[in-house]
Each structure stands twice: as structure tokens, then as C-alpha cells.
Amino acid sequence: MFKIFAKLADWVTHDLLQIAPQTHLAEAVHFFIEDTAKIFFLLTTLMLLVGFFRSWISPEKVRHWLDGKPMLLAYFLAVTLGAITPFCSCSSIPLFIAFLGTGIPLGVTMAFLITSPMVNEVAAILFGEAIGWQFTLAYVGTGMVTGMVGGAIIDCLKIERWVEPFVFQINVPKDGIEERKLTLKHRLNHAWGETKDILQRVWLYVLIGVGVGAAIHGFVPQEWFIAHAGKDNLFAVPMAVIMAVPLYSNVTGVVPVAEVLISKGLPVGTTLAFIMSTVAISLPELVILRKVLKVQMLAFFVAYLALAFVIVGYVFNYVF
């Protein structure tokens, strides 16, 4: 099915641009054209489908489902909803405030906040197609477990004092949810509107991600990765986490970079640690979270996730 994108890249690279084959530039341009077309096609198609079915899920329902549940179930629901809802860190903050305003425990709320920007179903499908389903299941499962464990630790430590006080002072009504009776046309319009909104937010990250992946694919030799970040380098995993902090990318934009890193011989665990750190603990992410979290909570947030990703990296390098 996806051979059409390879043929498109062949035509643009060799016929339209007249770039000589078997050169570094040709490999980079071919990768950029093929992956850009494929990712935007998949992203648009999947978001239309997901948006249609998600028209039955509103932020109010998410809050309602979490309210009053047993703790273990609440953690699981929080990370599951975080994984299937299209909320980045900036759009997750209003939900964060709403959750705490209705009395949902901080740990459950943080479990959602950790998982939501890091995992989503569209990125999982893109990862599965580009890299393989074994890696994808590892990525999704690790993200959800990281959220649940982090939420449980936060509840055990009782560190609500590290959240900005105004968050708890906002009174959110807990009335029952009135169901929206949408027609099929309305649901399709909702799906298209959500798709356009997400494409407007992620298109630049996709282009940057594909561009970085293309440059690495075309110009960085495989031997360089094996020598500097291969399985024999014990410090490769923590270095991958540290290097990811100044960066920022939507999880969708990380797909082509991960695809190239693994193809170049970077171990699965090191790649996983880099991807999750880029999405979850980047500097722009922390600036956004500072609106609702005190510095102590941000420090705990970064330390916990960095340690978790390093452990995940070592474990997956050993297993795979």
C-alpha cells in the first residue's frame, strides 16, 4: 500500500530534481519526500477516524469517569484516557485544574498529565508502521506504567503543597453531564475540525522531525552511532536523556527520527529513552507546566521521569 510514497519519492528525487542516485543527498531527499508524504497521509486519515469516534468523548466525561473511582482503577483509567485523548501539555493544563477542582487526587491527575503528551493512539499506529509493533507496544506500555507509578508515588508522598494554590481554589461544578445529541454530519464535522486543529499544531514538528531523520539517514554513517551510542557504551542511555531535554517535539514528529536511529543501529532502549525524554521533559514542556506546578514539583517531575527513562533504556537494551 505504501509503495506509492516510495515511487513518489523516486520521481521527485531522480526525475524532477535530477539528483544523482546512490549519493548522500539523494538518500536524504528521498527519505524526506517519502516519509513526509506517508506521515501526513496516515496522520490525516487516522485523525479523521479517531476524531469521529472521539466525538463521544468530551473533557467533562474524562473528568467524570475519574471522579470517585478506587485508586488503582483511577490510575489505570487516568493513563488510558491520557493515551487516547489528543491533549498536549498546554491543553492538558485546563483539565489538570478541573480534575483537582473536583477533588480527584493529585496522583491520579499527575498520572494523566504524564501520559497525555507522551502517548497517543495515532503516534502508536505511526510507530507500528515505521518501526514495528514490538517497539510500539513497548513504547505505549512503558508510557502508561510510568504514569501510573509516578501518580502512585505522588499520592504516597502527599505533596499537594507543591501545586500552585490557585489550582485548588477554583470551584468546578460536579453536576451530571448532559449528553450532546450530535447527528452524523455534526460528528463528521467534529472529526474534520479536530483533524485540522491537530495538523495545524503538529505540521512543523513533523517537517522538522523528518528533516532531522533525513539528514541523519543520508549523511551520518552507521559506524558513528555504533561507536558513540551503541550497546557497549554504558553512558549512552543517560546521555540520550540529557540531550533530549533542550529539544521539543510532538510525539508524532519523533517517529521519523526514531525510525532512522534504530535503522542506524542505535539500541532500542536508548532510542526509547531519547524519544520519551524529548516529548515529556523538554524545557518548553516545563515552562508550560510551571503555570500550575511549583518549582519543587517540577524538580520532582523531571527527576522521576529522567530516572524512569534511564531505567527503561537499560532494561530494554538488555531485553532486546
Protein backbone atom coordinates (compact mmCIF):
# COMPACT_ATOMS: atom_id res chain seq x y z
CA MET A 1 0.00 0.00 0.00
CA PHE A 2 2.78 2.42 0.92
CA LYS A 3 4.87 1.71 -2.21
CA ILE A 4 3.17 4.69 -3.83
CA PHE A 5 5.09 7.01 -1.50
CA ALA A 6 8.41 5.37 -2.41
CA LYS A 7 7.57 5.81 -6.10
CA LEU A 8 6.63 9.45 -5.47
CA ALA A 9 9.98 9.97 -3.74
CA ASP A 10 11.79 8.26 -6.64
CA TRP A 11 10.10 10.57 -9.17
CA VAL A 12 10.75 13.78 -7.18
CA THR A 13 14.35 12.89 -6.29
CA HIS A 14 15.63 11.48 -9.56
CA ASP A 15 13.30 12.76 -12.30
CA LEU A 16 12.11 16.14 -11.05
CA LEU A 17 15.17 17.29 -9.06
CA GLN A 18 17.68 15.30 -11.15
CA ILE A 19 19.72 14.25 -8.11
CA ALA A 20 22.22 11.53 -8.90
CA PRO A 21 21.30 8.20 -7.28
CA GLN A 22 23.49 6.44 -4.72
CA THR A 23 24.59 9.75 -3.16
CA HIS A 24 24.13 11.02 0.38
CA LEU A 25 21.95 13.88 -0.87
CA ALA A 26 19.74 11.54 -2.85
CA GLU A 27 19.22 9.28 0.17
CA ALA A 28 18.35 12.26 2.38
CA VAL A 29 15.92 13.84 -0.11
CA HIS A 30 14.28 10.50 -0.92
CA PHE A 31 13.74 9.81 2.80
CA PHE A 32 12.30 13.30 3.36
CA ILE A 33 9.82 13.10 0.47
CA GLU A 34 8.70 9.54 1.21
CA ASP A 35 8.27 9.94 4.98
CA THR A 36 6.64 13.38 4.79
CA ALA A 37 4.00 12.18 2.32
CA LYS A 38 3.40 8.94 4.20
CA ILE A 39 3.15 10.53 7.66
CA PHE A 40 0.77 13.29 6.57
CA PHE A 41 -1.43 10.77 4.71
CA LEU A 42 -1.57 8.46 7.74
CA LEU A 43 -1.98 11.32 10.19
CA THR A 44 -4.90 12.87 8.29
CA THR A 45 -6.66 9.54 7.69
CA LEU A 46 -6.22 8.28 11.24
CA MET A 47 -7.21 11.57 12.86
CA LEU A 48 -10.43 11.68 10.83
CA LEU A 49 -11.32 8.18 12.05
CA VAL A 50 -10.21 8.78 15.61
CA GLY A 51 -11.88 12.20 15.72
CA PHE A 52 -15.18 10.68 14.57
CA PHE A 53 -15.19 8.08 17.35
CA ARG A 54 -13.85 10.60 19.85
CA SER A 55 -16.86 12.85 19.26
CA TRP A 56 -18.48 10.75 22.00
CA ILE A 57 -15.70 11.70 24.46
CA SER A 58 -15.58 15.17 25.98
CA PRO A 59 -13.20 16.58 28.62
CA GLU A 60 -16.17 16.67 31.02
CA LYS A 61 -16.69 12.93 30.54
CA VAL A 62 -13.00 12.30 31.17
CA ARG A 63 -13.27 14.14 34.47
CA HIS A 64 -16.49 12.33 35.34
CA TRP A 65 -15.01 8.88 34.69
CA LEU A 66 -12.08 9.56 37.02
CA ASP A 67 -14.11 11.02 39.87
CA GLY A 68 -14.78 8.70 42.82
CA LYS A 69 -13.09 5.57 41.43
CA PRO A 70 -10.93 3.19 43.54
CA MET A 71 -7.31 4.34 43.42
CA LEU A 72 -5.82 1.53 41.35
CA LEU A 73 -8.66 1.74 38.84
CA ALA A 74 -8.38 5.53 38.83
CA TYR A 75 -4.66 5.37 37.95
CA PHE A 76 -5.37 2.92 35.14
CA LEU A 77 -8.25 5.00 33.78
CA ALA A 78 -6.15 8.16 34.01
CA VAL A 79 -3.27 6.80 31.92
CA THR A 80 -5.67 5.09 29.48
CA LEU A 81 -7.58 8.31 28.94
CA GLY A 82 -4.28 10.16 28.67
CA ALA A 83 -3.21 7.77 25.92
CA ILE A 84 -6.41 8.06 23.85
CA THR A 85 -7.13 11.77 24.24
CA PRO A 86 -5.48 14.35 21.96
CA PHE A 87 -4.25 16.65 24.72
CA CYS A 88 -0.73 18.10 24.62
CA SER A 89 0.77 19.63 27.75
CA CYS A 90 -0.73 23.08 27.08
CA SER A 91 -4.26 21.78 26.55
CA SER A 92 -3.89 19.33 29.44
CA ILE A 93 -3.50 22.14 31.98
CA PRO A 94 -7.20 23.18 31.98
CA LEU A 95 -8.08 19.52 32.60
CA PHE A 96 -5.43 19.36 35.33
CA ILE A 97 -7.15 22.29 37.07
CA ALA A 98 -10.61 20.78 36.52
CA PHE A 99 -9.55 17.40 37.96
CA LEU A 100 -8.13 18.89 41.17
CA GLY A 101 -11.05 21.31 41.44
CA THR A 102 -13.49 18.40 41.62
CA GLY A 103 -11.48 16.56 44.29
CA ILE A 104 -9.68 13.99 42.12
CA PRO A 105 -6.39 13.06 43.90
CA LEU A 106 -3.21 14.76 42.75
CA GLY A 107 -1.53 11.44 41.91
CA VAL A 108 -4.35 10.41 39.58
CA THR A 109 -4.25 13.83 37.93
CA MET A 110 -0.46 13.66 37.51
CA ALA A 111 -0.74 10.15 36.04
CA PHE A 112 -2.95 11.65 33.34
CA LEU A 113 -0.63 14.65 32.88
CA ILE A 114 2.44 12.43 32.48
CA THR A 115 0.84 10.10 29.95
CA SER A 116 -1.21 12.51 27.83
CA PRO A 117 1.56 14.26 25.86
CA MET A 118 3.76 11.15 25.74
CA VAL A 119 1.36 8.55 24.30
CA ASN A 120 -1.49 8.72 21.82
CA GLU A 121 -3.12 6.24 19.51
CA VAL A 122 -2.18 8.00 16.27
CA ALA A 123 1.52 8.06 17.18
CA ALA A 124 1.27 4.39 18.15
CA ILE A 125 -0.03 3.48 14.69
CA LEU A 126 2.67 5.59 13.02
CA PHE A 127 5.33 3.91 15.17
CA GLY A 128 3.91 0.49 14.35
CA GLU A 129 4.06 1.11 10.62
CA ALA A 130 7.51 2.77 10.67
CA ILE A 131 9.40 0.73 13.25
CA GLY A 132 7.40 -2.35 14.18
CA TRP A 133 4.70 -3.36 16.61
CA GLN A 134 7.06 -4.87 19.16
CA PHE A 135 8.69 -1.47 19.71
CA THR A 136 5.30 0.27 19.63
CA LEU A 137 3.78 -1.95 22.33
CA ALA A 138 6.89 -1.39 24.44
CA TYR A 139 6.58 2.37 23.97
CA VAL A 140 2.87 2.55 24.85
CA GLY A 141 3.12 0.13 27.77
CA THR A 142 6.14 1.90 29.22
CA GLY A 143 4.47 5.30 28.96
CA MET A 144 1.34 4.08 30.75
CA VAL A 145 3.26 2.27 33.50
CA THR A 146 5.45 5.35 34.02
CA GLY A 147 2.32 7.45 34.51
CA MET A 148 0.70 5.01 36.96
CA VAL A 149 3.84 4.57 39.09
CA GLY A 150 4.50 8.31 39.13
CA GLY A 151 0.95 9.04 40.22
CA ALA A 152 1.09 6.45 43.00
CA ILE A 153 4.39 7.86 44.32
CA ILE A 154 2.99 11.40 44.34
CA ASP A 155 -0.07 10.27 46.32
CA CYS A 156 2.12 8.40 48.81
CA LEU A 157 4.35 11.44 49.37
CA LYS A 158 1.37 13.80 49.93
CA ILE A 159 2.98 16.73 48.09
CA GLU A 160 -0.12 18.73 47.21
CA ARG A 161 1.68 21.75 48.72
CA TRP A 162 3.92 21.76 45.62
CA VAL A 163 0.97 22.68 43.39
CA GLU A 164 0.16 26.38 42.93
CA PRO A 165 -2.56 27.28 45.49
CA PHE A 166 -4.91 28.90 42.97
CA VAL A 167 -5.49 25.49 41.35
CA PHE A 168 -7.32 24.22 44.44
CA GLN A 169 -9.27 27.46 44.87
CA ILE A 170 -11.11 27.14 41.55
CA ASN A 171 -14.55 25.67 42.09
CA VAL A 172 -15.52 23.34 39.28
CA PRO A 173 -19.19 22.24 39.16
CA LYS A 174 -19.68 18.48 39.59
CA ASP A 175 -23.13 18.33 38.06
CA GLY A 176 -24.10 15.45 35.83
CA ILE A 177 -23.02 15.57 32.23
CA GLU A 178 -25.63 16.41 29.67
CA GLU A 179 -25.17 14.23 26.61
CA ARG A 180 -24.72 16.01 23.33
CA LYS A 181 -27.06 14.62 20.71
CA LEU A 182 -24.97 15.02 17.58
CA THR A 183 -26.03 13.98 14.12
CA LEU A 184 -23.71 12.02 11.83
CA LYS A 185 -22.94 15.24 9.96
CA HIS A 186 -22.02 17.00 13.20
CA ARG A 187 -19.74 14.15 14.21
CA LEU A 188 -18.01 14.20 10.81
CA ASN A 189 -17.61 17.97 11.09
CA HIS A 190 -16.19 17.47 14.59
CA ALA A 191 -13.69 14.94 13.23
CA TRP A 192 -12.62 17.24 10.41
CA GLY A 193 -12.30 20.22 12.76
CA GLU A 194 -10.20 18.21 15.20
CA THR A 195 -8.04 16.89 12.37
CA LYS A 196 -7.37 20.39 11.04
CA ASP A 197 -6.57 21.65 14.54
CA ILE A 198 -4.09 18.85 15.20
CA LEU A 199 -2.47 19.21 11.77
CA GLN A 200 -2.02 22.93 12.39
CA ARG A 201 -0.32 22.17 15.70
CA VAL A 202 1.97 19.35 14.55
CA TRP A 203 2.85 20.01 10.89
CA LEU A 204 6.02 21.94 11.76
CA TYR A 205 7.17 19.25 14.21
CA VAL A 206 6.61 16.61 11.55
CA LEU A 207 8.66 18.52 8.98
CA ILE A 208 11.46 19.17 11.47
CA GLY A 209 11.42 15.56 12.61
CA VAL A 210 11.50 14.22 9.06
CA GLY A 211 14.21 16.73 8.17
CA VAL A 212 16.39 15.64 11.09
CA GLY A 213 15.73 12.00 10.24
CA ALA A 214 16.61 12.61 6.58
CA ALA A 215 19.87 14.34 7.48
CA ILE A 216 20.87 11.51 9.81
CA HIS A 217 19.78 8.89 7.28
CA GLY A 218 21.72 10.45 4.42
CA PHE A 219 24.84 11.88 5.99
CA VAL A 220 25.62 10.21 9.36
CA PRO A 221 27.34 6.83 8.96
CA GLN A 222 26.03 3.85 10.85
CA GLU A 223 29.51 3.30 12.31
CA TRP A 224 29.29 6.64 14.17
CA PHE A 225 26.22 5.53 16.14
CA ILE A 226 27.68 2.13 16.90
CA ALA A 227 30.91 3.73 18.14
CA HIS A 228 29.35 6.51 20.25
CA ALA A 229 25.92 5.26 21.29
CA GLY A 230 25.98 1.50 20.77
CA LYS A 231 25.19 -1.16 23.31
CA ASP A 232 28.79 -1.20 24.57
CA ASN A 233 28.58 2.42 25.75
CA LEU A 234 27.25 2.27 29.32
CA PHE A 235 26.60 6.03 29.39
CA ALA A 236 24.61 6.17 26.14
CA VAL A 237 21.20 5.96 27.83
CA PRO A 238 21.63 8.80 30.38
CA MET A 239 23.32 10.91 27.69
CA ALA A 240 20.32 10.36 25.41
CA VAL A 241 18.00 11.60 28.18
CA ILE A 242 20.18 14.67 28.88
CA MET A 243 20.47 15.55 25.19
CA ALA A 244 16.68 15.39 24.78
CA VAL A 245 15.89 18.00 27.47
CA PRO A 246 16.69 21.13 25.36
CA LEU A 247 14.66 19.73 22.47
CA TYR A 248 10.92 19.67 21.99
CA SER A 249 8.76 17.74 19.59
CA ASN A 250 5.24 16.47 19.41
CA VAL A 251 5.33 12.68 19.66
CA THR A 252 4.25 12.46 16.01
CA GLY A 253 7.31 14.40 14.93
CA VAL A 254 9.62 11.97 16.74
CA VAL A 255 8.53 8.99 14.61
CA PRO A 256 10.91 9.58 11.66
CA VAL A 257 13.83 10.31 13.98
CA ALA A 258 13.23 7.07 15.90
CA GLU A 259 12.92 5.16 12.63
CA VAL A 260 16.34 6.35 11.48
CA LEU A 261 18.08 5.95 14.85
CA ILE A 262 17.05 2.31 15.08
CA SER A 263 17.95 1.66 11.43
CA LYS A 264 21.39 3.13 12.11
CA GLY A 265 22.00 0.66 14.93
CA LEU A 266 21.02 2.69 18.00
CA PRO A 267 19.76 0.21 20.62
CA VAL A 268 16.01 0.10 21.23
CA GLY A 269 16.27 1.15 24.88
CA THR A 270 18.49 4.15 24.12
CA THR A 271 16.11 5.23 21.36
CA LEU A 272 13.11 4.80 23.66
CA ALA A 273 14.75 6.88 26.41
CA PHE A 274 15.56 9.66 23.93
CA ILE A 275 12.04 9.73 22.43
CA MET A 276 10.21 9.79 25.75
CA SER A 277 12.52 12.47 27.18
CA THR A 278 12.10 14.68 24.11
CA VAL A 279 8.32 14.60 24.46
CA ALA A 280 7.86 14.54 28.25
CA ILE A 281 10.64 16.56 29.93
CA SER A 282 11.77 19.16 27.44
CA LEU A 283 12.35 22.77 28.54
CA PRO A 284 9.27 24.15 26.71
CA GLU A 285 7.16 21.47 28.41
CA LEU A 286 8.46 22.55 31.84
CA VAL A 287 7.78 26.23 31.11
CA ILE A 288 4.14 25.37 30.37
CA LEU A 289 3.78 23.19 33.48
CA ARG A 290 5.24 25.96 35.67
CA LYS A 291 1.87 27.70 35.38
CA VAL A 292 0.30 25.16 37.73
CA LEU A 293 3.24 23.47 39.49
CA LYS A 294 5.75 24.93 41.93
CA VAL A 295 9.47 24.59 41.32
CA GLN A 296 9.70 21.69 43.81
CA MET A 297 7.09 19.71 41.90
CA LEU A 298 8.78 20.45 38.59
CA ALA A 299 12.09 19.24 40.03
CA PHE A 300 10.42 16.06 41.27
CA PHE A 301 8.66 15.66 37.91
CA VAL A 302 11.94 15.92 35.97
CA ALA A 303 13.93 13.72 38.37
CA TYR A 304 11.29 10.98 38.40
CA LEU A 305 10.84 10.89 34.63
CA ALA A 306 14.59 11.09 33.91
CA LEU A 307 15.28 8.21 36.31
CA ALA A 308 12.36 6.21 34.90
CA PHE A 309 13.52 6.70 31.30
CA VAL A 310 17.10 5.76 32.14
CA ILE A 311 15.91 2.56 33.84
CA VAL A 312 13.61 1.81 30.90
CA GLY A 313 16.50 2.37 28.49
CA TYR A 314 18.83 -0.04 30.26
CA VAL A 315 16.10 -2.67 30.70
CA PHE A 316 15.05 -2.60 27.04
CA ASN A 317 18.65 -2.61 25.83
CA TYR A 318 19.16 -5.76 27.90
CA VAL A 319 15.90 -7.46 26.86
CA PHE A 320 16.07 -6.62 23.14
